[in-house]
Amino acid sequence: MPFVSVRDLQMYYEIRGTGQRLLSISGTGGDLQRSPTIFDSPLAPHFEILAYDQRGLGQTSKPDIPYTIADYAADADSLLNAVGWESAHVIGISFGGMVWGYGSPRVGTALSAPR
């Protein structure tokens, strides 16, 4: 079970599959302990998927501080750096779409939306 130190967190993540890289950002309350996950989706056979438990969810640590959308976006960006991914497609499910779209410094540069 992989964990990585990201900012002020011990973040749980999983990488599975082969193909183009895809970062999956879950919606509110979604974590990798609850089925179905992105790995159970029709996308799974076509991508190398990086999915993770966001701060305060699942197996990722839960700092006792208020969180901002910028915190969530910086967490995703830092995770990409930690696993050595310079670019990837991104799928944000519900709140996950807001996380990437509103706060990541990589929007429009290293990452692109899936087609």
Foldseek 3Di string as FASTA:
>chain_A
DDWDDFDPKGKDKDWDEDAFEEEEAEDPQDAPVDPPDPCPDPCNHHHGYIYIAFAPYDPMDHDPDDDDLQNRLSRSVRVCVVVVHQEGAYDYYHVGVCSNPPHHPCVPHRYDHDD
